[in-house]
């Protein structure tokens, strides 16, 4: 258990693109959003739901354009 807590606190999370085969390299925007959502420092995370929603909408628009 201590190893898990240490890992969460001190190591970077795995890249989301590598965790799900359905995600393509052209959807890196999702990875950027997730990095910010789970950032270790509060000041690096989204400060409001509006900020997150805006980035998610922009990401969706980019994905739709690329199809």
N, C-alpha and C. Protein backbone atom coordinates (compact mmCIF):
# COMPACT_ATOMS: atom_id res chain seq x y z
N UNK A 1 0.82 -1.19 0.00
CA UNK A 1 0.00 0.00 0.00
C UNK A 1 0.87 1.26 0.00
N UNK A 2 1.92 1.23 0.78
CA UNK A 2 2.81 2.40 0.84
C UNK A 2 3.44 2.67 -0.52
N UNK A 3 3.76 1.61 -1.26
CA UNK A 3 4.34 1.78 -2.60
C UNK A 3 3.35 2.47 -3.53
N UNK A 4 2.08 2.09 -3.44
CA UNK A 4 1.05 2.70 -4.28
C UNK A 4 0.91 4.19 -3.97
N UNK A 5 0.83 4.53 -2.71
CA UNK A 5 0.70 5.93 -2.31
C UNK A 5 1.92 6.72 -2.76
N UNK A 6 3.10 6.16 -2.60
CA UNK A 6 4.32 6.83 -3.04
C UNK A 6 4.28 7.05 -4.55
N UNK A 7 3.86 6.02 -5.28
CA UNK A 7 3.79 6.11 -6.73
C UNK A 7 2.83 7.21 -7.17
N UNK A 8 1.66 7.26 -6.58
CA UNK A 8 0.67 8.28 -6.93
C UNK A 8 1.21 9.67 -6.65
N UNK A 9 1.88 9.83 -5.52
CA UNK A 9 2.38 11.14 -5.12
C UNK A 9 3.60 11.59 -5.89
N UNK A 10 4.40 10.67 -6.39
CA UNK A 10 5.70 11.06 -6.92
C UNK A 10 5.98 10.70 -8.37
N UNK A 11 5.17 9.84 -8.95
CA UNK A 11 5.45 9.43 -10.32
C UNK A 11 4.36 9.92 -11.27
N UNK A 12 4.77 10.10 -12.50
CA UNK A 12 3.83 10.53 -13.53
C UNK A 12 2.91 9.37 -13.90
N UNK A 13 1.69 9.69 -14.20
CA UNK A 13 0.71 8.69 -14.62
C UNK A 13 1.02 8.18 -16.03
N UNK A 14 0.53 6.99 -16.38
CA UNK A 14 0.74 6.49 -17.74
C UNK A 14 -0.04 7.36 -18.74
N UNK A 15 0.47 7.43 -19.95
CA UNK A 15 -0.22 8.21 -20.99
C UNK A 15 -1.53 7.52 -21.34
N UNK A 16 -2.60 8.29 -21.42
CA UNK A 16 -3.92 7.74 -21.71
C UNK A 16 -3.97 7.07 -23.08
N UNK A 17 -3.23 7.61 -24.03
CA UNK A 17 -3.23 7.04 -25.39
C UNK A 17 -2.72 5.60 -25.35
N UNK A 18 -1.76 5.31 -24.50
CA UNK A 18 -1.23 3.97 -24.40
C UNK A 18 -2.14 3.01 -23.65
N UNK A 19 -3.11 3.53 -22.92
CA UNK A 19 -4.00 2.68 -22.12
C UNK A 19 -5.22 2.20 -22.89
N UNK A 20 -5.58 2.89 -23.94
CA UNK A 20 -6.79 2.55 -24.68
C UNK A 20 -6.48 2.46 -26.16
N UNK A 21 -6.63 1.28 -26.73
CA UNK A 21 -6.26 1.06 -28.13
C UNK A 21 -7.13 1.86 -29.09
N UNK A 22 -8.32 2.26 -28.67
CA UNK A 22 -9.22 3.02 -29.54
C UNK A 22 -8.80 4.46 -29.74
N UNK A 23 -7.92 4.95 -28.90
CA UNK A 23 -7.46 6.33 -29.04
C UNK A 23 -6.29 6.38 -30.01
N UNK A 24 -6.34 7.34 -30.89
CA UNK A 24 -5.30 7.47 -31.90
C UNK A 24 -4.35 8.60 -31.51
N UNK A 25 -3.22 8.62 -32.16
CA UNK A 25 -2.24 9.67 -31.91
C UNK A 25 -2.78 11.05 -32.29
N UNK A 26 -3.76 11.11 -33.19
CA UNK A 26 -4.30 12.42 -33.57
C UNK A 26 -5.27 12.97 -32.54
N UNK A 27 -5.48 12.25 -31.46
CA UNK A 27 -6.33 12.74 -30.39
C UNK A 27 -5.50 13.09 -29.16
N UNK A 28 -4.34 13.64 -29.39
CA UNK A 28 -3.47 14.03 -28.29
C UNK A 28 -4.10 15.09 -27.40
N UNK A 29 -5.07 15.81 -27.95
CA UNK A 29 -5.75 16.84 -27.15
C UNK A 29 -6.37 16.21 -25.90
N UNK A 30 -6.88 14.99 -26.03
CA UNK A 30 -7.48 14.30 -24.88
C UNK A 30 -6.42 14.08 -23.80
N UNK A 31 -5.24 13.70 -24.22
CA UNK A 31 -4.15 13.48 -23.28
C UNK A 31 -3.78 14.76 -22.55
N UNK A 32 -3.75 15.86 -23.27
CA UNK A 32 -3.42 17.16 -22.66
C UNK A 32 -4.47 17.53 -21.61
N UNK A 33 -5.74 17.31 -21.94
CA UNK A 33 -6.82 17.62 -20.99
C UNK A 33 -6.71 16.73 -19.76
N UNK A 34 -6.48 15.44 -19.97
CA UNK A 34 -6.38 14.53 -18.83
C UNK A 34 -5.18 14.86 -17.95
N UNK A 35 -4.08 15.26 -18.57
CA UNK A 35 -2.91 15.67 -17.77
C UNK A 35 -3.29 16.80 -16.84
N UNK A 36 -4.06 17.74 -17.35
CA UNK A 36 -4.44 18.88 -16.52
C UNK A 36 -5.48 18.49 -15.46
N UNK A 37 -6.39 17.60 -15.80
CA UNK A 37 -7.42 17.15 -14.85
C UNK A 37 -6.80 16.47 -13.63
N UNK A 38 -5.78 15.66 -13.87
CA UNK A 38 -5.20 14.89 -12.76
C UNK A 38 -3.83 15.40 -12.32
N UNK A 39 -3.56 16.65 -12.63
CA UNK A 39 -2.28 17.25 -12.21
C UNK A 39 -2.13 17.15 -10.69
N UNK A 40 -0.93 16.93 -10.25
CA UNK A 40 -0.66 16.78 -8.82
C UNK A 40 -0.84 18.09 -8.04
N UNK A 41 -0.45 19.19 -8.65
CA UNK A 41 -0.57 20.49 -7.98
C UNK A 41 -1.88 21.16 -8.34
N UNK A 42 -2.59 21.66 -7.34
CA UNK A 42 -3.90 22.27 -7.56
C UNK A 42 -3.85 23.42 -8.57
N UNK A 43 -2.79 24.20 -8.53
CA UNK A 43 -2.71 25.34 -9.44
C UNK A 43 -2.53 24.92 -10.90
N UNK A 44 -2.14 23.67 -11.12
CA UNK A 44 -1.99 23.16 -12.49
C UNK A 44 -3.27 22.54 -13.03
N UNK A 45 -4.27 22.31 -12.16
CA UNK A 45 -5.54 21.72 -12.58
C UNK A 45 -6.51 22.80 -13.03
N UNK A 46 -7.58 22.36 -13.67
CA UNK A 46 -8.65 23.29 -14.04
C UNK A 46 -9.20 23.91 -12.77
N UNK A 47 -9.44 25.20 -12.80
CA UNK A 47 -9.95 25.88 -11.63
C UNK A 47 -11.48 25.92 -11.61
N UNK A 48 -12.09 25.74 -12.78
CA UNK A 48 -13.56 25.73 -12.85
C UNK A 48 -14.01 24.66 -13.84
N UNK A 49 -15.25 24.26 -13.68
CA UNK A 49 -15.86 23.34 -14.63
C UNK A 49 -15.99 23.97 -16.00
N UNK A 50 -16.17 25.28 -16.02
CA UNK A 50 -16.29 25.99 -17.30
C UNK A 50 -15.01 25.86 -18.13
N UNK A 51 -13.87 25.98 -17.48
CA UNK A 51 -12.58 25.82 -18.18
C UNK A 51 -12.48 24.44 -18.80
N UNK A 52 -12.82 23.42 -18.02
CA UNK A 52 -12.76 22.05 -18.50
C UNK A 52 -13.74 21.84 -19.65
N UNK A 53 -14.97 22.32 -19.49
CA UNK A 53 -15.98 22.16 -20.53
C UNK A 53 -15.54 22.82 -21.84
N UNK A 54 -14.94 23.99 -21.74
CA UNK A 54 -14.46 24.70 -22.94
C UNK A 54 -13.41 23.86 -23.67
N UNK A 55 -12.44 23.34 -22.93
CA UNK A 55 -11.40 22.53 -23.55
C UNK A 55 -11.97 21.23 -24.14
N UNK A 56 -12.94 20.63 -23.46
CA UNK A 56 -13.55 19.41 -23.98
C UNK A 56 -14.32 19.70 -25.28
N UNK A 57 -15.03 20.82 -25.33
CA UNK A 57 -15.74 21.20 -26.57
C UNK A 57 -14.75 21.43 -27.70
N UNK A 58 -13.66 22.15 -27.41
CA UNK A 58 -12.65 22.39 -28.43
C UNK A 58 -12.04 21.08 -28.91
N UNK A 59 -11.78 20.18 -28.00
CA UNK A 59 -11.22 18.88 -28.34
C UNK A 59 -12.17 18.10 -29.25
N UNK A 60 -13.44 18.10 -28.91
CA UNK A 60 -14.44 17.42 -29.72
C UNK A 60 -14.49 18.00 -31.12
N UNK A 61 -14.43 19.32 -31.23
CA UNK A 61 -14.43 19.96 -32.55
C UNK A 61 -13.21 19.54 -33.37
N UNK A 62 -12.05 19.45 -32.74
CA UNK A 62 -10.83 19.03 -33.44
C UNK A 62 -10.98 17.59 -33.92
N UNK A 63 -11.50 16.72 -33.06
CA UNK A 63 -11.68 15.32 -33.43
C UNK A 63 -12.65 15.20 -34.60
N UNK A 64 -13.73 15.95 -34.56
CA UNK A 64 -14.71 15.91 -35.65
C UNK A 64 -14.09 16.38 -36.97
N UNK A 65 -13.25 17.41 -36.91
CA UNK A 65 -12.58 17.92 -38.11
C UNK A 65 -11.65 16.88 -38.73
N UNK A 66 -11.00 16.10 -37.88
CA UNK A 66 -10.00 15.14 -38.35
C UNK A 66 -10.62 13.85 -38.90
N UNK A 67 -11.92 13.69 -38.78
CA UNK A 67 -12.56 12.45 -39.28
C UNK A 67 -12.95 12.58 -40.71
